[in-house]
Amino acid sequence: MSATAEADLSEDERAGLELVRESGGIHQSEFWKELDVSSRKGSRIVETLVEKELVQREDAVYKGHNTYYITPAAKDLDFSLLMAGDMLSPFVADDEIDLQSDAFSQWIMRLAYE
């Protein structure tokens, strides 16, 4: 996946990519409805995004019908930003961190001693 692949997208394809990224995943039968395009045009948009490796598509059944589930393509992430030494940062979580917790204190102490 490259910036060039995204730069070559039409306005509808950009809108489709944004929809998939914002939703985190969407059934193709809902995709074209959300974009307010025909199912044929929606299929073409998805095909282009798949070919450019910007989204992934897998077979799915939705509301009793065969369709596809479209998800954003995995990006090359720099996981070092999540690390502190050889440990995963405790700040990578959905929950709030309890700064008084023993686990957090132990993590800080291990970092200090390294």
C-alpha atoms as a PDB file:
ATOM      1  CA  MET A   1       0.000   0.000   0.000  1.00  0.00           C
ATOM      2  CA  SER A   2       1.406   3.351  -0.897  1.00  0.00           C
ATOM      3  CA  ALA A   3       0.511   7.000  -0.991  1.00  0.00           C
ATOM      4  CA  THR A   4       0.584   6.677  -4.787  1.00  0.00           C
ATOM      5  CA  ALA A   5      -2.222   4.101  -4.677  1.00  0.00           C
ATOM      6  CA  GLU A   6      -4.365   6.522  -2.679  1.00  0.00           C
ATOM      7  CA  ALA A   7      -3.432   9.498  -4.860  1.00  0.00           C
ATOM      8  CA  ASP A   8      -4.785   7.743  -7.954  1.00  0.00           C
ATOM      9  CA  LEU A   9      -8.269   7.215  -6.480  1.00  0.00           C
ATOM     10  CA  SER A  10     -11.397   8.824  -7.869  1.00  0.00           C
ATOM     11  CA  GLU A  11     -13.602  10.919  -5.591  1.00  0.00           C
ATOM     12  CA  ASP A  12     -16.011   7.981  -5.110  1.00  0.00           C
ATOM     13  CA  GLU A  13     -13.126   5.598  -4.370  1.00  0.00           C
ATOM     14  CA  ARG A  14     -11.714   8.016  -1.776  1.00  0.00           C
ATOM     15  CA  ALA A  15     -15.153   8.268  -0.154  1.00  0.00           C
ATOM     16  CA  GLY A  16     -15.386   4.466  -0.129  1.00  0.00           C
ATOM     17  CA  LEU A  17     -11.958   4.089   1.432  1.00  0.00           C
ATOM     18  CA  GLU A  18     -12.813   6.675   4.077  1.00  0.00           C
ATOM     19  CA  LEU A  19     -16.080   4.853   4.855  1.00  0.00           C
ATOM     20  CA  VAL A  20     -14.263   1.537   5.321  1.00  0.00           C
ATOM     21  CA  ARG A  21     -11.594   3.137   7.497  1.00  0.00           C
ATOM     22  CA  GLU A  22     -14.083   5.047   9.643  1.00  0.00           C
ATOM     23  CA  SER A  23     -16.363   2.036  10.122  1.00  0.00           C
ATOM     24  CA  GLY A  24     -13.491  -0.374  10.720  1.00  0.00           C
ATOM     25  CA  GLY A  25     -15.334  -2.826   8.470  1.00  0.00           C
ATOM     26  CA  ILE A  26     -18.595  -2.889   6.549  1.00  0.00           C
ATOM     27  CA  HIS A  27     -20.641  -5.375   4.549  1.00  0.00           C
ATOM     28  CA  GLN A  28     -20.519  -4.631   0.833  1.00  0.00           C
ATOM     29  CA  SER A  29     -24.319  -4.584   0.704  1.00  0.00           C
ATOM     30  CA  GLU A  30     -24.269  -1.685   3.185  1.00  0.00           C
ATOM     31  CA  PHE A  31     -21.192  -0.077   1.633  1.00  0.00           C
ATOM     32  CA  TRP A  32     -22.880   0.989  -1.591  1.00  0.00           C
ATOM     33  CA  LYS A  33     -26.003   2.137   0.259  1.00  0.00           C
ATOM     34  CA  GLU A  34     -23.911   4.340   2.567  1.00  0.00           C
ATOM     35  CA  LEU A  35     -22.123   5.837  -0.443  1.00  0.00           C
ATOM     36  CA  ASP A  36     -25.453   6.320  -2.234  1.00  0.00           C
ATOM     37  CA  VAL A  37     -24.264   4.532  -5.386  1.00  0.00           C
ATOM     38  CA  SER A  38     -25.628   1.548  -7.307  1.00  0.00           C
ATOM     39  CA  SER A  39     -24.600  -1.934  -6.222  1.00  0.00           C
ATOM     40  CA  ARG A  40     -22.681  -2.286  -9.505  1.00  0.00           C
ATOM     41  CA  LYS A  41     -20.743   0.941  -8.921  1.00  0.00           C
ATOM     42  CA  GLY A  42     -20.166  -0.037  -5.288  1.00  0.00           C
ATOM     43  CA  SER A  43     -18.722  -3.373  -6.435  1.00  0.00           C
ATOM     44  CA  ARG A  44     -16.390  -1.590  -8.863  1.00  0.00           C
ATOM     45  CA  ILE A  45     -15.202   0.782  -6.124  1.00  0.00           C
ATOM     46  CA  VAL A  46     -14.473  -2.138  -3.786  1.00  0.00           C
ATOM     47  CA  GLU A  47     -12.683  -4.039  -6.557  1.00  0.00           C
ATOM     48  CA  THR A  48     -10.404  -1.055  -7.204  1.00  0.00           C
ATOM     49  CA  LEU A  49      -9.648  -0.657  -3.496  1.00  0.00           C
ATOM     50  CA  VAL A  50      -8.865  -4.383  -3.203  1.00  0.00           C
ATOM     51  CA  GLU A  51      -6.599  -4.282  -6.291  1.00  0.00           C
ATOM     52  CA  LYS A  52      -4.698  -1.330  -4.803  1.00  0.00           C
ATOM     53  CA  GLU A  53      -4.416  -3.266  -1.503  1.00  0.00           C
ATOM     54  CA  LEU A  54      -6.169  -0.484   0.414  1.00  0.00           C
ATOM     55  CA  VAL A  55      -8.936  -2.782   1.718  1.00  0.00           C
ATOM     56  CA  GLN A  56      -9.433  -6.492   2.258  1.00  0.00           C
ATOM     57  CA  ARG A  57     -12.547  -8.409   1.255  1.00  0.00           C
ATOM     58  CA  GLU A  58     -13.807 -11.721   2.592  1.00  0.00           C
ATOM     59  CA  ASP A  59     -16.920 -13.783   1.905  1.00  0.00           C
ATOM     60  CA  ALA A  60     -19.734 -13.208   4.390  1.00  0.00           C
ATOM     61  CA  VAL A  61     -23.431 -13.829   4.906  1.00  0.00           C
ATOM     62  CA  TYR A  62     -25.398 -10.755   5.961  1.00  0.00           C
ATOM     63  CA  LYS A  63     -29.149 -10.729   6.575  1.00  0.00           C
ATOM     64  CA  GLY A  64     -29.382 -14.126   4.901  1.00  0.00           C
ATOM     65  CA  HIS A  65     -27.568 -13.055   1.711  1.00  0.00           C
ATOM     66  CA  ASN A  66     -24.087 -13.804   0.432  1.00  0.00           C
ATOM     67  CA  THR A  67     -21.977 -10.666   0.349  1.00  0.00           C
ATOM     68  CA  TYR A  68     -18.486  -9.536   1.276  1.00  0.00           C
ATOM     69  CA  TYR A  69     -17.139  -7.942   4.427  1.00  0.00           C
ATOM     70  CA  ILE A  70     -14.761  -5.102   3.601  1.00  0.00           C
ATOM     71  CA  THR A  71     -12.067  -4.099   6.103  1.00  0.00           C
ATOM     72  CA  PRO A  72      -9.184  -1.634   5.975  1.00  0.00           C
ATOM     73  CA  ALA A  73      -5.910  -3.207   4.880  1.00  0.00           C
ATOM     74  CA  ALA A  74      -3.371  -3.654   7.627  1.00  0.00           C
ATOM     75  CA  LYS A  75      -0.835  -0.864   7.479  1.00  0.00           C
ATOM     76  CA  ASP A  76       2.850  -1.135   8.188  1.00  0.00           C
ATOM     77  CA  LEU A  77       2.923   0.018  11.775  1.00  0.00           C
ATOM     78  CA  ASP A  78       5.935   1.040  13.797  1.00  0.00           C
ATOM     79  CA  PHE A  79       5.315  -1.047  16.900  1.00  0.00           C
ATOM     80  CA  SER A  80       8.392   0.443  18.556  1.00  0.00           C
ATOM     81  CA  LEU A  81       6.162   3.389  19.467  1.00  0.00           C
ATOM     82  CA  LEU A  82       4.199   1.026  21.723  1.00  0.00           C
ATOM     83  CA  MET A  83       7.278  -0.325  23.454  1.00  0.00           C
ATOM     84  CA  ALA A  84       9.331   0.763  26.412  1.00  0.00           C
ATOM     85  CA  GLY A  85      12.459  -1.346  26.377  1.00  0.00           C
ATOM     86  CA  ASP A  86      11.250  -4.864  25.687  1.00  0.00           C
ATOM     87  CA  MET A  87       7.862  -4.320  27.333  1.00  0.00           C
ATOM     88  CA  LEU A  88       4.591  -3.186  25.848  1.00  0.00           C
ATOM     89  CA  SER A  89       3.566   0.174  27.234  1.00  0.00           C
ATOM     90  CA  PRO A  90       0.734  -0.056  29.779  1.00  0.00           C
ATOM     91  CA  PHE A  91      -0.763   3.049  28.192  1.00  0.00           C
ATOM     92  CA  VAL A  92      -1.862   1.025  25.164  1.00  0.00           C
ATOM     93  CA  ALA A  93      -5.339   0.188  26.440  1.00  0.00           C
ATOM     94  CA  ASP A  94      -8.968   1.207  26.290  1.00  0.00           C
ATOM     95  CA  ASP A  95      -9.229   1.394  30.057  1.00  0.00           C
ATOM     96  CA  GLU A  96      -7.938   4.212  32.189  1.00  0.00           C
ATOM     97  CA  ILE A  97      -4.643   3.495  33.901  1.00  0.00           C
ATOM     98  CA  ASP A  98      -4.678   3.461  37.704  1.00  0.00           C
ATOM     99  CA  LEU A  99      -1.441   5.270  38.531  1.00  0.00           C
ATOM    100  CA  GLN A 100      -1.592   3.822  42.051  1.00  0.00           C
ATOM    101  CA  SER A 101      -1.699   0.204  40.861  1.00  0.00           C
ATOM    102  CA  ASP A 102       1.074  -2.235  41.694  1.00  0.00           C
ATOM    103  CA  ALA A 103       1.299  -3.393  38.080  1.00  0.00           C
ATOM    104  CA  PHE A 104       2.054   0.115  36.868  1.00  0.00           C
ATOM    105  CA  SER A 105       4.602   0.689  39.654  1.00  0.00           C
ATOM    106  CA  GLN A 106       6.319  -2.614  38.900  1.00  0.00           C
ATOM    107  CA  TRP A 107       6.485  -1.746  35.209  1.00  0.00           C
ATOM    108  CA  ILE A 108       8.123   1.630  35.999  1.00  0.00           C
ATOM    109  CA  MET A 109      10.589  -0.032  38.384  1.00  0.00           C
ATOM    110  CA  ARG A 110      11.600  -2.643  35.779  1.00  0.00           C
ATOM    111  CA  LEU A 111      12.277   0.174  33.314  1.00  0.00           C
ATOM    112  CA  ALA A 112      14.325   2.066  35.886  1.00  0.00           C
ATOM    113  CA  TYR A 113      16.509  -0.951  36.649  1.00  0.00           C
ATOM    114  CA  GLU A 114      17.229  -1.775  32.988  1.00  0.00           C
END
